[in-house]
N, C-alpha and C. Protein backbone atom coordinates (compact mmCIF):
# COMPACT_ATOMS: atom_id res chain seq x y z
N UNK A 1 23.92 45.19 -1.47
CA UNK A 1 23.38 43.90 -1.04
C UNK A 1 24.12 43.45 0.21
N UNK A 2 23.38 43.10 1.21
CA UNK A 2 23.96 42.64 2.47
C UNK A 2 24.29 41.16 2.35
N UNK A 3 25.45 40.80 2.85
CA UNK A 3 25.87 39.39 2.85
C UNK A 3 25.42 38.77 4.17
N UNK A 4 24.44 37.89 4.10
CA UNK A 4 23.90 37.26 5.31
C UNK A 4 24.64 35.96 5.59
N UNK A 5 24.99 35.71 6.85
CA UNK A 5 25.62 34.42 7.18
C UNK A 5 24.59 33.30 7.12
N UNK A 6 25.03 32.09 6.78
CA UNK A 6 24.07 30.98 6.76
C UNK A 6 23.54 30.69 8.17
N UNK A 7 22.24 30.55 8.26
CA UNK A 7 21.60 30.28 9.55
C UNK A 7 21.10 28.85 9.58
N UNK A 8 21.27 28.15 10.70
CA UNK A 8 20.80 26.76 10.78
C UNK A 8 19.28 26.68 10.65
N UNK A 9 18.78 25.84 9.74
CA UNK A 9 17.34 25.76 9.51
C UNK A 9 16.55 25.32 10.74
N UNK A 10 17.14 24.53 11.59
CA UNK A 10 16.41 24.05 12.77
C UNK A 10 16.14 25.22 13.72
N UNK A 11 17.08 26.14 13.82
CA UNK A 11 16.92 27.27 14.74
C UNK A 11 15.91 28.28 14.22
N UNK A 12 16.01 28.63 12.94
CA UNK A 12 15.11 29.64 12.39
C UNK A 12 13.77 29.05 11.99
N UNK A 13 13.79 27.82 11.48
CA UNK A 13 12.57 27.21 10.98
C UNK A 13 11.56 26.90 12.05
N UNK A 14 12.01 26.34 13.16
CA UNK A 14 11.07 25.99 14.22
C UNK A 14 10.41 27.22 14.84
N UNK A 15 11.10 28.36 14.75
CA UNK A 15 10.54 29.61 15.26
C UNK A 15 9.71 30.35 14.22
N UNK A 16 9.73 29.87 12.96
CA UNK A 16 8.98 30.52 11.90
C UNK A 16 9.61 31.82 11.43
N UNK A 17 10.94 31.85 11.42
CA UNK A 17 11.65 33.06 11.02
C UNK A 17 12.23 32.93 9.61
N UNK A 18 12.58 34.05 9.04
CA UNK A 18 13.14 34.10 7.69
C UNK A 18 14.42 33.28 7.62
N UNK A 19 14.59 32.47 6.56
CA UNK A 19 15.80 31.64 6.46
C UNK A 19 17.06 32.44 6.14
N UNK A 20 16.91 33.66 5.61
CA UNK A 20 18.11 34.44 5.25
C UNK A 20 18.57 35.34 6.39
N UNK A 21 17.66 36.15 6.95
CA UNK A 21 18.07 37.11 7.98
C UNK A 21 17.80 36.62 9.39
N UNK A 22 16.85 35.70 9.55
CA UNK A 22 16.52 35.18 10.87
C UNK A 22 15.72 36.14 11.72
N UNK A 23 15.24 37.23 11.14
CA UNK A 23 14.49 38.23 11.91
C UNK A 23 13.05 38.38 11.43
N UNK A 24 12.84 38.33 10.14
CA UNK A 24 11.49 38.47 9.59
C UNK A 24 10.66 37.22 9.83
N UNK A 25 9.38 37.37 9.70
CA UNK A 25 8.47 36.25 9.94
C UNK A 25 8.18 35.51 8.64
N UNK A 26 8.01 34.22 8.76
CA UNK A 26 7.78 33.35 7.62
C UNK A 26 6.30 33.19 7.30
N UNK A 27 5.45 33.25 8.31
CA UNK A 27 4.04 32.93 8.15
C UNK A 27 3.14 34.15 8.22
N UNK A 28 2.08 34.07 7.42
CA UNK A 28 1.00 35.04 7.46
C UNK A 28 -0.24 34.24 7.84
N UNK A 29 -0.49 34.08 9.10
CA UNK A 29 -1.54 33.18 9.58
C UNK A 29 -0.90 31.94 10.16
N UNK A 30 -1.69 30.87 10.25
CA UNK A 30 -1.18 29.65 10.90
C UNK A 30 -0.20 28.89 10.00
N UNK A 31 -0.60 28.60 8.75
CA UNK A 31 0.27 27.84 7.85
C UNK A 31 0.54 28.54 6.52
N UNK A 32 -0.04 29.68 6.28
CA UNK A 32 0.15 30.39 5.01
C UNK A 32 1.47 31.14 5.03
N UNK A 33 2.29 30.90 4.00
CA UNK A 33 3.56 31.61 3.90
C UNK A 33 3.33 33.03 3.40
N UNK A 34 4.12 33.96 3.92
CA UNK A 34 4.08 35.32 3.40
C UNK A 34 4.68 35.34 2.01
N UNK A 35 4.47 36.42 1.30
CA UNK A 35 5.05 36.58 -0.05
C UNK A 35 6.56 36.81 0.04
N UNK A 36 6.97 37.61 1.04
CA UNK A 36 8.39 37.91 1.22
C UNK A 36 8.65 38.33 2.66
N UNK A 37 9.92 38.37 3.01
CA UNK A 37 10.33 38.77 4.36
C UNK A 37 10.17 40.28 4.51
N UNK A 38 9.63 40.70 5.64
CA UNK A 38 9.44 42.13 5.88
C UNK A 38 10.74 42.83 6.28
N UNK A 39 11.79 42.07 6.60
CA UNK A 39 13.06 42.68 7.01
C UNK A 39 14.05 42.73 5.85
N UNK A 40 14.30 41.59 5.20
CA UNK A 40 15.33 41.53 4.16
C UNK A 40 14.76 41.40 2.74
N UNK A 41 13.45 41.36 2.60
CA UNK A 41 12.77 41.26 1.30
C UNK A 41 13.06 39.98 0.54
N UNK A 42 13.40 38.91 1.23
CA UNK A 42 13.60 37.62 0.56
C UNK A 42 12.26 37.14 0.03
N UNK A 43 12.22 36.81 -1.25
CA UNK A 43 11.01 36.30 -1.88
C UNK A 43 10.86 34.83 -1.49
N UNK A 44 9.71 34.48 -0.92
CA UNK A 44 9.48 33.12 -0.45
C UNK A 44 8.88 32.22 -1.54
N UNK A 45 8.90 32.66 -2.77
CA UNK A 45 8.30 31.84 -3.83
C UNK A 45 9.08 30.55 -4.08
N UNK A 46 10.33 30.47 -3.61
CA UNK A 46 11.12 29.24 -3.75
C UNK A 46 10.57 28.11 -2.89
N UNK A 47 9.83 28.47 -1.86
CA UNK A 47 9.42 27.50 -0.84
C UNK A 47 8.22 26.68 -1.28
N UNK A 48 8.39 25.37 -1.25
CA UNK A 48 7.30 24.46 -1.55
C UNK A 48 7.49 23.18 -0.75
N UNK A 49 7.10 23.19 0.53
CA UNK A 49 7.26 21.98 1.33
C UNK A 49 6.23 20.91 0.99
N UNK A 50 5.24 21.25 0.17
CA UNK A 50 4.19 20.31 -0.28
C UNK A 50 3.56 19.61 0.92
N UNK A 51 3.53 18.28 0.89
CA UNK A 51 2.90 17.51 1.96
C UNK A 51 3.89 17.05 3.02
N UNK A 52 5.10 17.55 2.97
CA UNK A 52 6.13 17.13 3.92
C UNK A 52 5.73 17.28 5.38
N UNK A 53 5.25 18.47 5.80
CA UNK A 53 4.87 18.61 7.21
C UNK A 53 3.77 17.64 7.62
N UNK A 54 2.77 17.47 6.76
CA UNK A 54 1.67 16.54 7.09
C UNK A 54 2.18 15.11 7.20
N UNK A 55 3.08 14.72 6.32
CA UNK A 55 3.64 13.37 6.36
C UNK A 55 4.37 13.11 7.67
N UNK A 56 5.23 14.05 8.07
CA UNK A 56 5.98 13.87 9.31
C UNK A 56 5.06 13.87 10.53
N UNK A 57 4.06 14.72 10.52
CA UNK A 57 3.11 14.76 11.64
C UNK A 57 2.34 13.45 11.73
N UNK A 58 1.89 12.95 10.60
CA UNK A 58 1.15 11.68 10.60
C UNK A 58 2.03 10.56 11.14
N UNK A 59 3.26 10.48 10.66
CA UNK A 59 4.14 9.37 11.04
C UNK A 59 4.59 9.43 12.49
N UNK A 60 4.96 10.61 12.94
CA UNK A 60 5.63 10.69 14.24
C UNK A 60 4.79 11.16 15.40
N UNK A 61 3.66 11.78 15.16
CA UNK A 61 2.83 12.21 16.28
C UNK A 61 1.41 11.64 16.23
N UNK A 62 0.81 11.61 15.05
CA UNK A 62 -0.58 11.15 14.96
C UNK A 62 -0.70 9.65 15.21
N UNK A 63 0.20 8.88 14.64
CA UNK A 63 0.12 7.42 14.82
C UNK A 63 0.25 7.05 16.31
N UNK A 64 1.23 7.60 17.04
CA UNK A 64 1.27 7.27 18.48
C UNK A 64 0.03 7.76 19.25
N UNK A 65 -0.51 8.92 18.87
CA UNK A 65 -1.70 9.43 19.57
C UNK A 65 -2.90 8.53 19.33
N UNK A 66 -3.08 8.08 18.10
CA UNK A 66 -4.19 7.18 17.81
C UNK A 66 -3.94 5.81 18.45
N UNK A 67 -2.69 5.37 18.47
CA UNK A 67 -2.37 4.10 19.14
C UNK A 67 -2.70 4.19 20.63
N UNK A 68 -2.45 5.34 21.24
CA UNK A 68 -2.81 5.52 22.65
C UNK A 68 -4.33 5.41 22.83
N UNK A 69 -5.09 6.06 21.93
CA UNK A 69 -6.55 6.01 22.02
C UNK A 69 -7.05 4.57 21.85
N UNK A 70 -6.45 3.83 20.94
CA UNK A 70 -6.83 2.42 20.75
C UNK A 70 -6.48 1.58 21.97
N UNK A 71 -5.30 1.81 22.52
CA UNK A 71 -4.89 1.09 23.72
C UNK A 71 -5.85 1.38 24.88
N UNK A 72 -6.22 2.65 25.02
CA UNK A 72 -7.15 3.04 26.07
C UNK A 72 -8.48 2.30 25.92
N UNK A 73 -8.96 2.18 24.68
CA UNK A 73 -10.23 1.49 24.42
C UNK A 73 -10.11 0.00 24.72
N UNK A 74 -9.05 -0.62 24.26
CA UNK A 74 -8.91 -2.07 24.42
C UNK A 74 -8.64 -2.44 25.88
N UNK A 75 -7.80 -1.67 26.54
CA UNK A 75 -7.40 -2.00 27.91
C UNK A 75 -8.50 -1.71 28.94
N UNK A 76 -9.20 -0.59 28.80
CA UNK A 76 -10.15 -0.17 29.83
C UNK A 76 -11.61 -0.10 29.38
N UNK A 77 -11.85 -0.10 28.07
CA UNK A 77 -13.19 0.00 27.53
C UNK A 77 -13.98 1.12 28.21
N UNK A 78 -13.45 2.36 28.14
CA UNK A 78 -14.11 3.46 28.85
C UNK A 78 -15.36 3.94 28.12
N UNK A 79 -16.12 4.75 28.80
CA UNK A 79 -17.30 5.36 28.19
C UNK A 79 -16.86 6.33 27.09
N UNK A 80 -17.78 6.64 26.21
CA UNK A 80 -17.47 7.51 25.08
C UNK A 80 -17.00 8.89 25.54
N UNK A 81 -17.56 9.38 26.63
CA UNK A 81 -17.16 10.70 27.11
C UNK A 81 -15.69 10.74 27.52
N UNK A 82 -15.14 9.61 27.95
CA UNK A 82 -13.72 9.56 28.32
C UNK A 82 -12.86 9.79 27.07
N UNK A 83 -13.25 9.18 25.97
CA UNK A 83 -12.51 9.42 24.72
C UNK A 83 -12.65 10.87 24.27
N UNK A 84 -13.84 11.45 24.47
CA UNK A 84 -14.05 12.85 24.09
C UNK A 84 -13.20 13.79 24.93
N UNK A 85 -12.98 13.43 26.18
CA UNK A 85 -12.21 14.30 27.08
C UNK A 85 -10.71 14.01 27.02
N UNK A 86 -10.33 12.76 26.79
CA UNK A 86 -8.91 12.39 26.82
C UNK A 86 -8.33 12.18 25.42
N UNK A 87 -8.89 11.26 24.69
CA UNK A 87 -8.31 10.87 23.40
C UNK A 87 -8.42 11.97 22.34
N UNK A 88 -9.57 12.57 22.22
CA UNK A 88 -9.78 13.58 21.18
C UNK A 88 -8.82 14.76 21.32
N UNK A 89 -8.67 15.36 22.50
CA UNK A 89 -7.70 16.46 22.61
C UNK A 89 -6.26 16.02 22.32
N UNK A 90 -5.90 14.82 22.76
CA UNK A 90 -4.54 14.34 22.50
C UNK A 90 -4.29 14.19 21.00
N UNK A 91 -5.24 13.59 20.31
CA UNK A 91 -5.09 13.39 18.87
C UNK A 91 -5.08 14.74 18.14
N UNK A 92 -5.98 15.64 18.49
CA UNK A 92 -6.02 16.95 17.83
C UNK A 92 -4.75 17.75 18.07
N UNK A 93 -4.29 17.78 19.30
CA UNK A 93 -3.06 18.50 19.60
C UNK A 93 -1.86 17.88 18.89
N UNK A 94 -1.82 16.56 18.84
CA UNK A 94 -0.71 15.88 18.17
C UNK A 94 -0.72 16.12 16.67
N UNK A 95 -1.88 16.38 16.11
CA UNK A 95 -1.99 16.61 14.66
C UNK A 95 -1.75 18.07 14.28
N UNK A 96 -2.19 18.99 15.10
CA UNK A 96 -2.18 20.40 14.71
C UNK A 96 -0.93 21.14 15.17
N UNK A 97 -0.53 20.96 16.41
CA UNK A 97 0.58 21.75 16.95
C UNK A 97 1.91 21.61 16.20
N UNK A 98 2.33 20.44 15.76
CA UNK A 98 3.64 20.35 15.11
C UNK A 98 3.67 20.82 13.65
N UNK A 99 2.52 21.09 13.04
CA UNK A 99 2.51 21.44 11.61
C UNK A 99 3.30 22.71 11.31
N UNK A 100 3.08 23.76 12.04
CA UNK A 100 3.76 25.04 11.76
C UNK A 100 5.27 24.95 11.95
N UNK A 101 5.78 24.44 13.08
CA UNK A 101 7.23 24.34 13.21
C UNK A 101 7.86 23.44 12.14
N UNK A 102 7.20 22.36 11.78
CA UNK A 102 7.75 21.48 10.75
C UNK A 102 7.76 22.14 9.39
N UNK A 103 6.71 22.87 9.06
CA UNK A 103 6.68 23.58 7.78
C UNK A 103 7.77 24.64 7.75
N UNK A 104 7.95 25.36 8.84
CA UNK A 104 9.02 26.36 8.92
C UNK A 104 10.39 25.73 8.76
N UNK A 105 10.60 24.59 9.39
CA UNK A 105 11.89 23.90 9.28
C UNK A 105 12.13 23.43 7.85
N UNK A 106 11.11 22.89 7.19
CA UNK A 106 11.28 22.41 5.81
C UNK A 106 11.54 23.56 4.84
N UNK A 107 10.84 24.68 5.00
CA UNK A 107 11.08 25.85 4.14
C UNK A 107 12.50 26.38 4.36
N UNK A 108 12.91 26.49 5.60
CA UNK A 108 14.25 26.97 5.90
C UNK A 108 15.32 26.00 5.39
N UNK A 109 15.04 24.72 5.44
CA UNK A 109 15.99 23.73 4.91
C UNK A 109 16.09 23.84 3.39
N UNK A 110 14.99 24.11 2.72
CA UNK A 110 15.04 24.30 1.27
C UNK A 110 15.94 25.48 0.91
N UNK A 111 15.85 26.56 1.66
CA UNK A 111 16.70 27.72 1.40
C UNK A 111 18.16 27.42 1.74
N UNK A 112 18.39 26.82 2.89
CA UNK A 112 19.75 26.55 3.37
C UNK A 112 20.51 25.63 2.42
N UNK A 113 19.84 24.58 1.96
CA UNK A 113 20.50 23.59 1.10
C UNK A 113 20.28 23.87 -0.40
N UNK A 114 19.67 25.03 -0.70
CA UNK A 114 19.42 25.44 -2.09
C UNK A 114 18.71 24.35 -2.89
N UNK A 115 17.68 23.79 -2.28
CA UNK A 115 16.92 22.71 -2.91
C UNK A 115 16.15 23.24 -4.11
N UNK A 116 16.15 22.47 -5.17
CA UNK A 116 15.41 22.82 -6.38
C UNK A 116 14.64 21.59 -6.85
N UNK A 117 13.72 21.85 -7.76
CA UNK A 117 12.98 20.75 -8.35
C UNK A 117 13.93 19.92 -9.20
N UNK A 118 13.78 18.60 -9.12
CA UNK A 118 14.63 17.71 -9.91
C UNK A 118 14.35 17.84 -11.40
N UNK A 119 15.39 17.71 -12.18
CA UNK A 119 15.24 17.78 -13.63
C UNK A 119 15.98 16.61 -14.25
N UNK A 120 15.47 16.15 -15.37
CA UNK A 120 16.12 15.05 -16.09
C UNK A 120 17.18 15.65 -17.01
N UNK A 121 18.38 15.14 -16.90
CA UNK A 121 19.47 15.60 -17.76
C UNK A 121 19.46 14.76 -19.03
N UNK A 122 18.90 15.30 -20.06
CA UNK A 122 18.78 14.57 -21.33
C UNK A 122 20.11 14.50 -22.07
N UNK A 123 21.07 15.31 -21.68
CA UNK A 123 22.37 15.32 -22.34
C UNK A 123 23.35 14.36 -21.68
N UNK A 124 22.97 13.74 -20.58
CA UNK A 124 23.87 12.86 -19.85
C UNK A 124 24.22 11.63 -20.68
N UNK A 125 25.48 11.33 -20.75
CA UNK A 125 25.97 10.13 -21.41
C UNK A 125 26.95 9.45 -20.46
N UNK A 126 26.66 8.23 -20.05
CA UNK A 126 27.58 7.54 -19.13
C UNK A 126 28.93 7.30 -19.80
N UNK A 127 29.95 7.34 -18.97
CA UNK A 127 31.30 7.09 -19.45
C UNK A 127 31.45 5.59 -19.71
N UNK A 128 31.44 5.21 -20.96
CA UNK A 128 31.52 3.80 -21.32
C UNK A 128 32.95 3.47 -21.68
N UNK A 129 33.56 2.62 -20.86
CA UNK A 129 34.95 2.21 -21.11
C UNK A 129 34.99 0.71 -21.28
N UNK A 130 35.74 0.26 -22.23
CA UNK A 130 35.84 -1.18 -22.49
C UNK A 130 37.21 -1.68 -22.21
């Protein structure tokens, strides 16, 4: 077994690379994760970013893009074709382009920080001192 050094998730994740070796590819298609790394055979079944990438894209890129389109409408009241040529591409690019790097970063962060699903500790008893 090869001992891999820890790789920063921001560096490997944004590029869509394997969180363990940094050489294999993370994606099979645009947003579909591969089953495992083709270089180090890391099983990607641990990865579940859920709606995280979509949430960050909506908050940080889509809202400003739609706000720009609204501002354009209120300030200049342009013809519909102007929105089709200016606003629509801006909104689409702001929604689609950041999804893959964000998903890669979140998957790599899950591996780096050994994130697991939360569990309730039924055996926990608080230390009660009087």
